């Protein structure tokens, strides 16, 4: 299972997505992707600040959508190390664009967040 395919110009080797691991990986365990970003998939699924609405994509703004104003569940994105266990659905889930939802009070060893800084 691969987090991204080979990119000869920036990264000649595919980046494994915590293949065969039973836990989250240490930050920076694998080389960055072609955009210079580390750990985009395969460690933990990430919380977003957006509320979840299964129909939101049908009516969302085309530029910088913020998500619904309210909801019962929060949106989560990306994959986690448990999604790399195999099976037909695992390869679809090991993508940075994979979306799902979770109860805002949910706690899990496969659910976390990403620290980011605007430049």
N, C-alpha and C. Protein backbone atom coordinates (compact mmCIF):
# COMPACT_ATOMS: atom_id res chain seq x y z
N UNK A 1 0.85 -1.17 0.00
CA UNK A 1 0.00 0.00 0.00
C UNK A 1 0.90 1.24 0.00
N UNK A 2 0.59 2.21 -0.81
CA UNK A 2 1.41 3.39 -0.94
C UNK A 2 0.61 4.65 -0.66
N UNK A 3 1.22 5.59 0.02
CA UNK A 3 0.57 6.86 0.28
C UNK A 3 0.53 7.71 -0.99
N UNK A 4 1.60 7.72 -1.72
CA UNK A 4 1.66 8.42 -3.01
C UNK A 4 2.49 7.57 -3.95
N UNK A 5 2.26 7.72 -5.22
CA UNK A 5 3.05 6.98 -6.19
C UNK A 5 4.41 7.59 -6.38
N UNK A 6 5.27 6.93 -7.10
CA UNK A 6 6.61 7.47 -7.33
C UNK A 6 6.56 8.77 -8.13
N UNK A 7 7.41 9.67 -7.78
CA UNK A 7 7.54 10.94 -8.49
C UNK A 7 9.03 11.10 -8.75
N UNK A 8 9.53 10.69 -9.91
CA UNK A 8 10.96 10.67 -10.17
C UNK A 8 11.65 12.01 -9.96
N UNK A 9 10.96 13.11 -10.21
CA UNK A 9 11.60 14.42 -10.07
C UNK A 9 11.83 14.79 -8.61
N UNK A 10 10.86 14.50 -7.74
CA UNK A 10 10.95 14.92 -6.35
C UNK A 10 11.21 13.80 -5.37
N UNK A 11 10.71 12.62 -5.65
CA UNK A 11 10.84 11.52 -4.72
C UNK A 11 10.84 10.22 -5.52
N UNK A 12 12.00 9.67 -5.82
CA UNK A 12 12.07 8.51 -6.70
C UNK A 12 11.44 7.24 -6.12
N UNK A 13 11.22 7.19 -4.81
CA UNK A 13 10.64 6.00 -4.21
C UNK A 13 9.24 6.29 -3.69
N UNK A 14 8.32 5.32 -3.79
CA UNK A 14 6.99 5.50 -3.20
C UNK A 14 7.11 5.67 -1.69
N UNK A 15 6.18 6.39 -1.11
CA UNK A 15 6.19 6.61 0.34
C UNK A 15 5.24 5.61 1.00
N UNK A 16 5.74 4.68 1.82
CA UNK A 16 4.85 3.72 2.47
C UNK A 16 3.95 4.41 3.49
N UNK A 17 2.73 3.95 3.60
CA UNK A 17 1.77 4.53 4.53
C UNK A 17 1.65 3.62 5.75
N UNK A 18 2.67 3.61 6.56
CA UNK A 18 2.68 2.81 7.79
C UNK A 18 2.35 1.34 7.51
N UNK A 19 2.94 0.81 6.46
CA UNK A 19 2.65 -0.56 6.04
C UNK A 19 2.99 -1.55 7.16
N UNK A 20 2.00 -2.35 7.52
CA UNK A 20 2.21 -3.40 8.50
C UNK A 20 2.45 -2.91 9.91
N UNK A 21 2.22 -1.66 10.20
CA UNK A 21 2.43 -1.12 11.53
C UNK A 21 1.17 -1.31 12.38
N UNK A 22 1.34 -1.31 13.68
CA UNK A 22 0.21 -1.45 14.60
C UNK A 22 0.03 -0.21 15.45
N UNK A 23 0.55 0.91 14.99
CA UNK A 23 0.47 2.14 15.77
C UNK A 23 0.81 3.31 14.85
N UNK A 24 0.55 4.52 15.33
CA UNK A 24 0.92 5.72 14.58
C UNK A 24 2.44 5.81 14.50
N UNK A 25 2.92 6.44 13.45
CA UNK A 25 4.35 6.59 13.26
C UNK A 25 4.83 7.93 13.80
N UNK A 26 6.10 8.00 14.15
CA UNK A 26 6.71 9.24 14.60
C UNK A 26 6.69 10.24 13.45
N UNK A 27 6.44 11.50 13.74
CA UNK A 27 6.40 12.54 12.72
C UNK A 27 7.72 12.55 11.96
N UNK A 28 7.63 12.63 10.63
CA UNK A 28 8.82 12.67 9.78
C UNK A 28 9.46 11.32 9.55
N UNK A 29 8.74 10.22 9.80
CA UNK A 29 9.31 8.88 9.61
C UNK A 29 9.58 8.56 8.14
N UNK A 30 8.87 9.22 7.23
CA UNK A 30 9.01 8.96 5.81
C UNK A 30 9.37 10.26 5.10
N UNK A 31 9.91 10.18 3.90
CA UNK A 31 10.25 11.39 3.14
C UNK A 31 8.99 12.21 2.83
N UNK A 32 9.15 13.51 2.57
CA UNK A 32 7.99 14.34 2.22
C UNK A 32 7.46 13.97 0.84
N UNK A 33 6.22 14.36 0.58
CA UNK A 33 5.66 14.15 -0.75
C UNK A 33 6.22 15.21 -1.70
N UNK A 34 5.75 15.23 -2.92
CA UNK A 34 6.33 16.15 -3.91
C UNK A 34 6.05 17.62 -3.61
N UNK A 35 5.14 17.89 -2.66
CA UNK A 35 4.87 19.28 -2.25
C UNK A 35 5.65 19.66 -1.00
N UNK A 36 6.47 18.74 -0.50
CA UNK A 36 7.26 19.01 0.70
C UNK A 36 6.51 18.77 1.99
N UNK A 37 5.36 18.12 1.91
CA UNK A 37 4.54 17.87 3.09
C UNK A 37 4.82 16.48 3.65
N UNK A 38 4.92 16.41 4.95
CA UNK A 38 5.18 15.14 5.63
C UNK A 38 3.89 14.55 6.19
N UNK A 39 3.87 13.23 6.26
CA UNK A 39 2.86 12.50 7.03
C UNK A 39 1.43 12.84 6.65
N UNK A 40 1.15 12.90 5.37
CA UNK A 40 -0.20 13.25 4.92
C UNK A 40 -1.18 12.10 5.07
N UNK A 41 -0.73 10.88 5.06
CA UNK A 41 -1.62 9.73 5.24
C UNK A 41 -0.90 8.64 6.03
N UNK A 42 -1.70 7.77 6.64
CA UNK A 42 -1.15 6.57 7.24
C UNK A 42 -0.80 6.65 8.70
N UNK A 43 -0.97 7.78 9.35
CA UNK A 43 -0.69 7.86 10.79
C UNK A 43 -2.03 7.94 11.53
N UNK A 44 -2.65 9.11 11.56
CA UNK A 44 -3.98 9.24 12.18
C UNK A 44 -4.91 9.99 11.24
N UNK A 45 -6.20 9.70 11.34
CA UNK A 45 -7.22 10.47 10.65
C UNK A 45 -7.31 11.81 11.37
N UNK A 46 -7.48 12.90 10.62
CA UNK A 46 -7.43 14.24 11.22
C UNK A 46 -8.80 14.89 11.36
N UNK A 47 -9.00 15.50 12.51
CA UNK A 47 -10.18 16.34 12.72
C UNK A 47 -10.12 17.53 11.78
N UNK A 48 -11.27 18.03 11.37
CA UNK A 48 -11.34 19.32 10.70
C UNK A 48 -12.24 20.21 11.54
N UNK A 49 -12.29 21.47 11.25
CA UNK A 49 -13.18 22.37 11.98
C UNK A 49 -14.59 22.38 11.39
N UNK A 50 -14.79 21.67 10.29
CA UNK A 50 -16.08 21.66 9.60
C UNK A 50 -17.07 20.69 10.24
N UNK A 51 -18.32 21.10 10.27
CA UNK A 51 -19.40 20.18 10.61
C UNK A 51 -19.64 19.29 9.40
N UNK A 52 -20.17 18.11 9.61
CA UNK A 52 -20.40 17.17 8.53
C UNK A 52 -21.83 17.26 8.01
N UNK A 53 -21.98 17.26 6.71
CA UNK A 53 -23.28 17.18 6.05
C UNK A 53 -23.05 16.36 4.78
N UNK A 54 -23.68 15.19 4.67
CA UNK A 54 -23.42 14.34 3.50
C UNK A 54 -23.80 15.00 2.17
N UNK A 55 -24.65 16.03 2.19
CA UNK A 55 -25.07 16.70 0.96
C UNK A 55 -24.34 18.02 0.71
N UNK A 56 -23.39 18.37 1.56
CA UNK A 56 -22.75 19.69 1.47
C UNK A 56 -22.08 19.94 0.12
N UNK A 57 -21.44 18.93 -0.46
CA UNK A 57 -20.73 19.12 -1.72
C UNK A 57 -21.66 19.53 -2.86
N UNK A 58 -22.93 19.24 -2.75
CA UNK A 58 -23.87 19.62 -3.81
C UNK A 58 -24.12 21.12 -3.86
N UNK A 59 -24.05 21.82 -2.70
CA UNK A 59 -24.40 23.25 -2.68
C UNK A 59 -23.30 24.14 -2.11
N UNK A 60 -22.11 23.61 -1.87
CA UNK A 60 -21.04 24.39 -1.24
C UNK A 60 -20.52 25.47 -2.19
N UNK A 61 -19.94 26.54 -1.62
CA UNK A 61 -19.29 27.55 -2.46
C UNK A 61 -18.10 26.91 -3.19
N UNK A 62 -17.80 27.39 -4.36
CA UNK A 62 -16.70 26.83 -5.15
C UNK A 62 -15.33 27.26 -4.66
N UNK A 63 -15.25 28.36 -3.92
CA UNK A 63 -13.99 28.87 -3.41
C UNK A 63 -14.00 28.85 -1.89
N UNK A 64 -13.02 28.18 -1.30
CA UNK A 64 -12.81 28.13 0.14
C UNK A 64 -14.07 27.78 0.93
N UNK A 65 -14.66 26.61 0.69
CA UNK A 65 -15.86 26.23 1.45
C UNK A 65 -15.53 26.05 2.93
N UNK A 66 -16.37 26.53 3.79
CA UNK A 66 -16.15 26.49 5.24
C UNK A 66 -16.91 25.37 5.93
N UNK A 67 -17.79 24.70 5.19
CA UNK A 67 -18.60 23.65 5.80
C UNK A 67 -19.88 24.23 6.36
N UNK A 68 -20.83 23.35 6.72
CA UNK A 68 -22.10 23.82 7.29
C UNK A 68 -21.86 24.59 8.59
N UNK A 69 -22.79 25.45 8.96
CA UNK A 69 -22.63 26.24 10.18
C UNK A 69 -22.89 25.44 11.45
N UNK A 70 -23.69 24.39 11.36
CA UNK A 70 -23.99 23.55 12.52
C UNK A 70 -24.06 22.10 12.07
N UNK A 71 -24.15 21.21 13.02
CA UNK A 71 -24.30 19.80 12.70
C UNK A 71 -24.17 18.93 13.93
N UNK A 72 -24.35 17.66 13.74
CA UNK A 72 -24.23 16.69 14.83
C UNK A 72 -22.82 16.10 14.87
N UNK A 73 -22.19 15.94 13.70
CA UNK A 73 -20.87 15.32 13.59
C UNK A 73 -19.87 16.29 12.97
N UNK A 74 -18.59 16.10 13.30
CA UNK A 74 -17.51 16.86 12.66
C UNK A 74 -16.92 16.03 11.53
N UNK A 75 -16.44 16.72 10.52
CA UNK A 75 -15.77 16.03 9.41
C UNK A 75 -14.36 15.65 9.84
N UNK A 76 -13.91 14.50 9.38
CA UNK A 76 -12.53 14.06 9.56
C UNK A 76 -12.00 13.72 8.17
N UNK A 77 -10.68 13.74 8.01
CA UNK A 77 -10.11 13.47 6.69
C UNK A 77 -8.83 12.67 6.80
N UNK A 78 -8.46 12.07 5.68
CA UNK A 78 -7.23 11.30 5.62
C UNK A 78 -7.41 9.89 6.14
N UNK A 79 -6.32 9.18 6.20
CA UNK A 79 -6.35 7.79 6.64
C UNK A 79 -5.60 7.66 7.95
N UNK A 80 -5.65 6.46 8.50
CA UNK A 80 -4.88 6.18 9.70
C UNK A 80 -4.24 4.81 9.57
N UNK A 81 -3.36 4.49 10.50
CA UNK A 81 -2.61 3.24 10.40
C UNK A 81 -3.52 2.02 10.38
N UNK A 82 -4.70 2.08 10.98
CA UNK A 82 -5.62 0.94 10.97
C UNK A 82 -6.21 0.73 9.58
N UNK A 83 -6.29 1.78 8.75
CA UNK A 83 -6.81 1.64 7.38
C UNK A 83 -5.84 0.91 6.47
N UNK A 84 -4.61 0.71 6.88
CA UNK A 84 -3.62 0.07 6.03
C UNK A 84 -3.55 -1.43 6.27
N UNK A 85 -4.52 -1.96 7.03
CA UNK A 85 -4.49 -3.38 7.38
C UNK A 85 -4.77 -4.29 6.20
N UNK A 86 -5.26 -3.76 5.10
CA UNK A 86 -5.52 -4.58 3.92
C UNK A 86 -7.00 -4.61 3.61
N UNK A 87 -7.37 -5.46 2.70
CA UNK A 87 -8.76 -5.53 2.30
C UNK A 87 -9.03 -4.59 1.14
N UNK A 88 -10.16 -4.79 0.49
CA UNK A 88 -10.46 -4.02 -0.71
C UNK A 88 -10.70 -2.55 -0.43
N UNK A 89 -11.23 -2.20 0.74
CA UNK A 89 -11.52 -0.80 1.03
C UNK A 89 -10.31 -0.05 1.55
N UNK A 90 -9.28 -0.74 2.00
CA UNK A 90 -8.12 -0.07 2.59
C UNK A 90 -7.43 0.84 1.59
N UNK A 91 -7.23 0.39 0.35
CA UNK A 91 -6.51 1.22 -0.62
C UNK A 91 -7.28 2.49 -0.95
N UNK A 92 -8.60 2.46 -0.89
CA UNK A 92 -9.39 3.67 -1.13
C UNK A 92 -9.30 4.63 0.04
N UNK A 93 -9.12 4.12 1.23
CA UNK A 93 -9.07 4.97 2.42
C UNK A 93 -7.71 5.59 2.65
N UNK A 94 -6.66 5.02 2.08
CA UNK A 94 -5.31 5.55 2.29
C UNK A 94 -5.05 6.65 1.27
N UNK A 95 -5.74 7.74 1.47
CA UNK A 95 -5.65 8.92 0.62
C UNK A 95 -5.86 10.15 1.49
N UNK A 96 -5.15 11.22 1.22
CA UNK A 96 -5.32 12.43 2.02
C UNK A 96 -6.69 13.05 1.83
N UNK A 97 -7.36 12.75 0.73
CA UNK A 97 -8.67 13.33 0.46
C UNK A 97 -9.82 12.47 0.97
N UNK A 98 -9.55 11.31 1.58
CA UNK A 98 -10.61 10.47 2.13
C UNK A 98 -11.35 11.25 3.22
N UNK A 99 -12.68 11.27 3.14
CA UNK A 99 -13.51 12.02 4.10
C UNK A 99 -14.45 11.09 4.84
N UNK A 100 -14.70 11.43 6.09
CA UNK A 100 -15.63 10.68 6.91
C UNK A 100 -16.14 11.64 7.98
N UNK A 101 -16.79 11.13 9.01
CA UNK A 101 -17.29 11.97 10.09
C UNK A 101 -17.15 11.25 11.42
N UNK A 102 -17.18 12.02 12.50
CA UNK A 102 -17.08 11.46 13.85
C UNK A 102 -17.83 12.35 14.82
N UNK A 103 -18.31 11.75 15.87
CA UNK A 103 -18.94 12.50 16.95
C UNK A 103 -17.89 13.43 17.56
N UNK A 104 -18.23 14.69 17.81
CA UNK A 104 -17.22 15.62 18.36
C UNK A 104 -16.61 15.17 19.69
N UNK A 105 -17.29 14.30 20.42
CA UNK A 105 -16.76 13.80 21.69
C UNK A 105 -15.96 12.52 21.53
N UNK A 106 -15.82 12.02 20.31
CA UNK A 106 -15.11 10.77 20.06
C UNK A 106 -13.63 10.91 20.40
N UNK A 107 -13.07 9.86 20.96
CA UNK A 107 -11.64 9.77 21.23
C UNK A 107 -11.16 8.43 20.71
N UNK A 108 -10.01 8.42 20.05
CA UNK A 108 -9.50 7.20 19.46
C UNK A 108 -8.00 7.32 19.23
N UNK A 109 -7.30 6.20 19.26
CA UNK A 109 -5.86 6.21 18.97
C UNK A 109 -5.60 6.38 17.48
N UNK A 110 -6.65 6.37 16.67
CA UNK A 110 -6.50 6.56 15.23
C UNK A 110 -7.00 7.92 14.77
N UNK A 111 -7.32 8.81 15.71
CA UNK A 111 -7.90 10.11 15.39
C UNK A 111 -7.08 11.21 16.05
N UNK A 112 -6.66 12.20 15.27
CA UNK A 112 -5.81 13.26 15.81
C UNK A 112 -6.02 14.57 15.07
N UNK A 113 -5.02 15.42 15.07
CA UNK A 113 -5.11 16.70 14.39
C UNK A 113 -3.76 17.07 13.84
N UNK A 114 -3.73 18.03 12.93
CA UNK A 114 -2.50 18.51 12.31
C UNK A 114 -2.29 19.96 12.73
N UNK A 115 -1.10 20.25 13.17
CA UNK A 115 -0.73 21.65 13.47
C UNK A 115 -0.25 22.29 12.18
N UNK A 116 -0.75 23.46 11.90
CA UNK A 116 -0.38 24.16 10.67
C UNK A 116 -0.13 25.63 10.98
N UNK A 117 0.68 26.24 10.16
CA UNK A 117 1.00 27.66 10.32
C UNK A 117 0.88 28.33 8.97
N UNK A 118 0.15 29.42 8.93
CA UNK A 118 0.04 30.20 7.69
C UNK A 118 1.32 31.01 7.51
N UNK A 119 1.81 31.09 6.30
CA UNK A 119 3.03 31.86 6.03
C UNK A 119 2.69 33.13 5.27
